[in-house]
Each structure stands twice: as C-alpha cells, then as structure tokens.
Amino acid sequence: EMQLTPVSSYPGYMPGFFASYLYNIDFPTDNAGVVIGLEYNNYGIAAKYETVNGRYSMVEKHRINAIGVPVFLKFGPKFYKKQKYAFLGAQFNFHINVSENQTPSWLNA
C-alpha cells in the first residue's frame, strides 16, 4: 500500500475536439433570433499522483464523449446592417461515454 499525493505542477491538459451543426432562425424584425443545434464533444483531463519521496507515480486520465443541444437567443440592432449581435443561452449535454485510465509507474519496471 502506498500513499499518493497530487502533483500540482502536472499540466493535466488533454487535447480534444468538437463538431457542431447550428440552425439559425431570425425573427421578422431582424433585431432578434434563435439558434438551435447539435454538437459532439470529446474532451479530457488528467492528474498525476506520486509518493512522498517521488519514487513511484501514477497518471490518471478521464475522457468524456458527449452530445450537446445548444439553444440560445441572439439580439442586437438590425442584423443585416452591422452584423453585430449578442448571444444568451445554454447547452444541454448527454454523456455517451466516460472512461478512466490509470497508468502506474511501478508496473513499467
């Protein structure tokens, strides 16, 4: 049995990607509109733990695959003149798969 503590200097970044399809609906006044869509997300995070003396370590990775449904409202002055507007909304995510992978250093020896 080993006591592992988190390593604060470990970056923990894992590259990911997303793809989305958005459908835009402008209201007849051209001052507001609604955007809805479908989005796929693949992202992750990692953490490293080690013993007090630093002899043994373990890297733990979490990867998430999710489908999201973004819904938001856009508003501003006449859209077609300045092409400037603000967004306000939310995205609802449904996680398809969440995986965890632990890689201990003491098995690589």
C-alpha atoms as a PDB file:
ATOM      1  CA  GLU A   1       0.000   0.000   0.000  1.00  0.00           C
ATOM      2  CA  MET A   2       1.307   3.469  -0.959  1.00  0.00           C
ATOM      3  CA  GLN A   3       0.162   6.949  -0.039  1.00  0.00           C
ATOM      4  CA  LEU A   4      -0.121   9.019  -3.252  1.00  0.00           C
ATOM      5  CA  THR A   5      -0.476  12.802  -3.270  1.00  0.00           C
ATOM      6  CA  PRO A   6      -1.407  15.079  -6.231  1.00  0.00           C
ATOM      7  CA  VAL A   7       1.395  16.755  -8.200  1.00  0.00           C
ATOM      8  CA  SER A   8       0.389  20.404  -8.591  1.00  0.00           C
ATOM      9  CA  SER A   9       2.916  21.137 -11.377  1.00  0.00           C
ATOM     10  CA  TYR A  10       1.419  18.494 -13.729  1.00  0.00           C
ATOM     11  CA  PRO A  11      -0.447  20.356 -16.554  1.00  0.00           C
ATOM     12  CA  GLY A  12      -3.348  17.872 -16.800  1.00  0.00           C
ATOM     13  CA  TYR A  13      -4.341  19.098 -20.277  1.00  0.00           C
ATOM     14  CA  MET A  14      -5.625  16.529 -22.761  1.00  0.00           C
ATOM     15  CA  PRO A  15      -6.420  17.664 -26.311  1.00  0.00           C
ATOM     16  CA  GLY A  16      -9.955  17.145 -27.526  1.00  0.00           C
ATOM     17  CA  PHE A  17     -12.267  18.237 -30.305  1.00  0.00           C
ATOM     18  CA  PHE A  18     -15.853  19.133 -31.044  1.00  0.00           C
ATOM     19  CA  ALA A  19     -18.074  19.352 -34.084  1.00  0.00           C
ATOM     20  CA  SER A  20     -21.360  21.212 -34.277  1.00  0.00           C
ATOM     21  CA  TYR A  21     -24.239  21.935 -36.605  1.00  0.00           C
ATOM     22  CA  LEU A  22     -26.262  25.071 -35.859  1.00  0.00           C
ATOM     23  CA  TYR A  23     -29.557  26.212 -37.353  1.00  0.00           C
ATOM     24  CA  ASN A  24     -30.275  29.955 -37.282  1.00  0.00           C
ATOM     25  CA  ILE A  25     -33.801  31.447 -37.220  1.00  0.00           C
ATOM     26  CA  ASP A  26     -34.111  35.244 -37.475  1.00  0.00           C
ATOM     27  CA  PHE A  27     -37.299  36.945 -36.350  1.00  0.00           C
ATOM     28  CA  PRO A  28     -39.025  39.232 -38.939  1.00  0.00           C
ATOM     29  CA  THR A  29     -37.834  42.383 -37.111  1.00  0.00           C
ATOM     30  CA  ASP A  30     -34.147  41.461 -37.727  1.00  0.00           C
ATOM     31  CA  ASN A  31     -33.459  42.504 -34.105  1.00  0.00           C
ATOM     32  CA  ALA A  32     -33.551  39.025 -32.575  1.00  0.00           C
ATOM     33  CA  GLY A  33     -33.293  35.384 -33.439  1.00  0.00           C
ATOM     34  CA  VAL A  34     -32.970  31.855 -32.097  1.00  0.00           C
ATOM     35  CA  VAL A  35     -30.167  29.382 -32.739  1.00  0.00           C
ATOM     36  CA  ILE A  36     -30.512  25.654 -32.060  1.00  0.00           C
ATOM     37  CA  GLY A  37     -28.234  22.806 -32.978  1.00  0.00           C
ATOM     38  CA  LEU A  38     -26.434  19.586 -32.269  1.00  0.00           C
ATOM     39  CA  GLU A  39     -22.856  19.286 -31.014  1.00  0.00           C
ATOM     40  CA  TYR A  40     -20.419  16.423 -30.379  1.00  0.00           C
ATOM     41  CA  ASN A  41     -17.734  16.918 -27.706  1.00  0.00           C
ATOM     42  CA  ASN A  42     -14.658  14.828 -26.941  1.00  0.00           C
ATOM     43  CA  TYR A  43     -12.527  16.179 -24.105  1.00  0.00           C
ATOM     44  CA  GLY A  44     -10.491  15.025 -21.154  1.00  0.00           C
ATOM     45  CA  ILE A  45      -8.491  15.869 -18.073  1.00  0.00           C
ATOM     46  CA  ALA A  46      -5.532  14.184 -16.391  1.00  0.00           C
ATOM     47  CA  ALA A  47      -3.892  14.224 -12.974  1.00  0.00           C
ATOM     48  CA  LYS A  48      -0.604  12.881 -11.670  1.00  0.00           C
ATOM     49  CA  TYR A  49      -0.059  11.449  -8.193  1.00  0.00           C
ATOM     50  CA  GLU A  50       3.219  10.412  -6.589  1.00  0.00           C
ATOM     51  CA  THR A  51       4.635   9.088  -3.332  1.00  0.00           C
ATOM     52  CA  VAL A  52       6.174  11.463  -0.798  1.00  0.00           C
ATOM     53  CA  ASN A  53       9.713  10.544  -1.880  1.00  0.00           C
ATOM     54  CA  GLY A  54       8.793  10.789  -5.602  1.00  0.00           C
ATOM     55  CA  ARG A  55       9.889   7.226  -6.365  1.00  0.00           C
ATOM     56  CA  TYR A  56       6.509   5.980  -7.631  1.00  0.00           C
ATOM     57  CA  SER A  57       3.841   7.836  -9.560  1.00  0.00           C
ATOM     58  CA  MET A  58       0.524   7.261 -11.260  1.00  0.00           C
ATOM     59  CA  VAL A  59      -1.184   9.234 -14.052  1.00  0.00           C
ATOM     60  CA  GLU A  60      -4.985   9.132 -14.102  1.00  0.00           C
ATOM     61  CA  LYS A  61      -6.803  10.193 -17.301  1.00  0.00           C
ATOM     62  CA  HIS A  62     -10.525  10.822 -17.746  1.00  0.00           C
ATOM     63  CA  ARG A  63     -12.050  11.146 -21.250  1.00  0.00           C
ATOM     64  CA  ILE A  64     -15.651  12.223 -21.925  1.00  0.00           C
ATOM     65  CA  ASN A  65     -17.716  11.848 -25.120  1.00  0.00           C
ATOM     66  CA  ALA A  66     -20.933  13.857 -25.118  1.00  0.00           C
ATOM     67  CA  ILE A  67     -23.707  15.031 -27.407  1.00  0.00           C
ATOM     68  CA  GLY A  68     -24.984  18.524 -26.680  1.00  0.00           C
ATOM     69  CA  VAL A  69     -28.023  20.510 -27.732  1.00  0.00           C
ATOM     70  CA  PRO A  70     -27.187  24.240 -27.761  1.00  0.00           C
ATOM     71  CA  VAL A  71     -30.122  26.654 -27.606  1.00  0.00           C
ATOM     72  CA  PHE A  72     -29.574  30.399 -27.468  1.00  0.00           C
ATOM     73  CA  LEU A  73     -31.128  33.751 -28.280  1.00  0.00           C
ATOM     74  CA  LYS A  74     -29.312  36.386 -30.296  1.00  0.00           C
ATOM     75  CA  PHE A  75     -30.259  40.047 -30.172  1.00  0.00           C
ATOM     76  CA  GLY A  76     -28.957  43.444 -31.237  1.00  0.00           C
ATOM     77  CA  PRO A  77     -29.548  46.283 -33.718  1.00  0.00           C
ATOM     78  CA  LYS A  78     -30.531  45.443 -37.300  1.00  0.00           C
ATOM     79  CA  PHE A  79     -28.546  42.259 -38.034  1.00  0.00           C
ATOM     80  CA  TYR A  80     -28.040  42.806 -41.745  1.00  0.00           C
ATOM     81  CA  LYS A  81     -26.620  46.329 -41.444  1.00  0.00           C
ATOM     82  CA  LYS A  82     -23.858  45.948 -38.839  1.00  0.00           C
ATOM     83  CA  GLN A  83     -23.684  42.149 -38.419  1.00  0.00           C
ATOM     84  CA  LYS A  84     -23.216  42.673 -34.660  1.00  0.00           C
ATOM     85  CA  TYR A  85     -25.287  40.927 -32.010  1.00  0.00           C
ATOM     86  CA  ALA A  86     -25.034  39.301 -28.563  1.00  0.00           C
ATOM     87  CA  PHE A  87     -25.858  35.734 -27.540  1.00  0.00           C
ATOM     88  CA  LEU A  88     -27.526  34.372 -24.420  1.00  0.00           C
ATOM     89  CA  GLY A  89     -28.277  30.693 -23.960  1.00  0.00           C
ATOM     90  CA  ALA A  90     -27.341  27.269 -22.671  1.00  0.00           C
ATOM     91  CA  GLN A  91     -26.235  23.863 -23.857  1.00  0.00           C
ATOM     92  CA  PHE A  92     -27.658  20.598 -22.549  1.00  0.00           C
ATOM     93  CA  ASN A  93     -25.160  17.724 -22.632  1.00  0.00           C
ATOM     94  CA  PHE A  94     -25.824  13.988 -22.706  1.00  0.00           C
ATOM     95  CA  HIS A  95     -22.703  11.979 -21.865  1.00  0.00           C
ATOM     96  CA  ILE A  96     -22.360   8.959 -24.135  1.00  0.00           C
ATOM     97  CA  ASN A  97     -19.178   7.542 -22.628  1.00  0.00           C
ATOM     98  CA  VAL A  98     -16.957   8.404 -19.678  1.00  0.00           C
ATOM     99  CA  SER A  99     -13.712   6.438 -19.440  1.00  0.00           C
ATOM    100  CA  GLU A 100     -10.894   6.350 -16.910  1.00  0.00           C
ATOM    101  CA  ASN A 101      -7.353   5.088 -17.430  1.00  0.00           C
ATOM    102  CA  GLN A 102      -4.733   4.723 -14.682  1.00  0.00           C
ATOM    103  CA  THR A 103      -1.056   4.254 -15.583  1.00  0.00           C
ATOM    104  CA  PRO A 104       1.159   3.409 -12.587  1.00  0.00           C
ATOM    105  CA  SER A 105       4.937   3.784 -12.895  1.00  0.00           C
ATOM    106  CA  TRP A 106       5.714   0.717 -10.768  1.00  0.00           C
ATOM    107  CA  LEU A 107       4.378  -1.657 -13.468  1.00  0.00           C
ATOM    108  CA  ASN A 108       6.789  -0.280 -16.132  1.00  0.00           C
ATOM    109  CA  ALA A 109       9.944  -1.521 -14.357  1.00  0.00           C
END
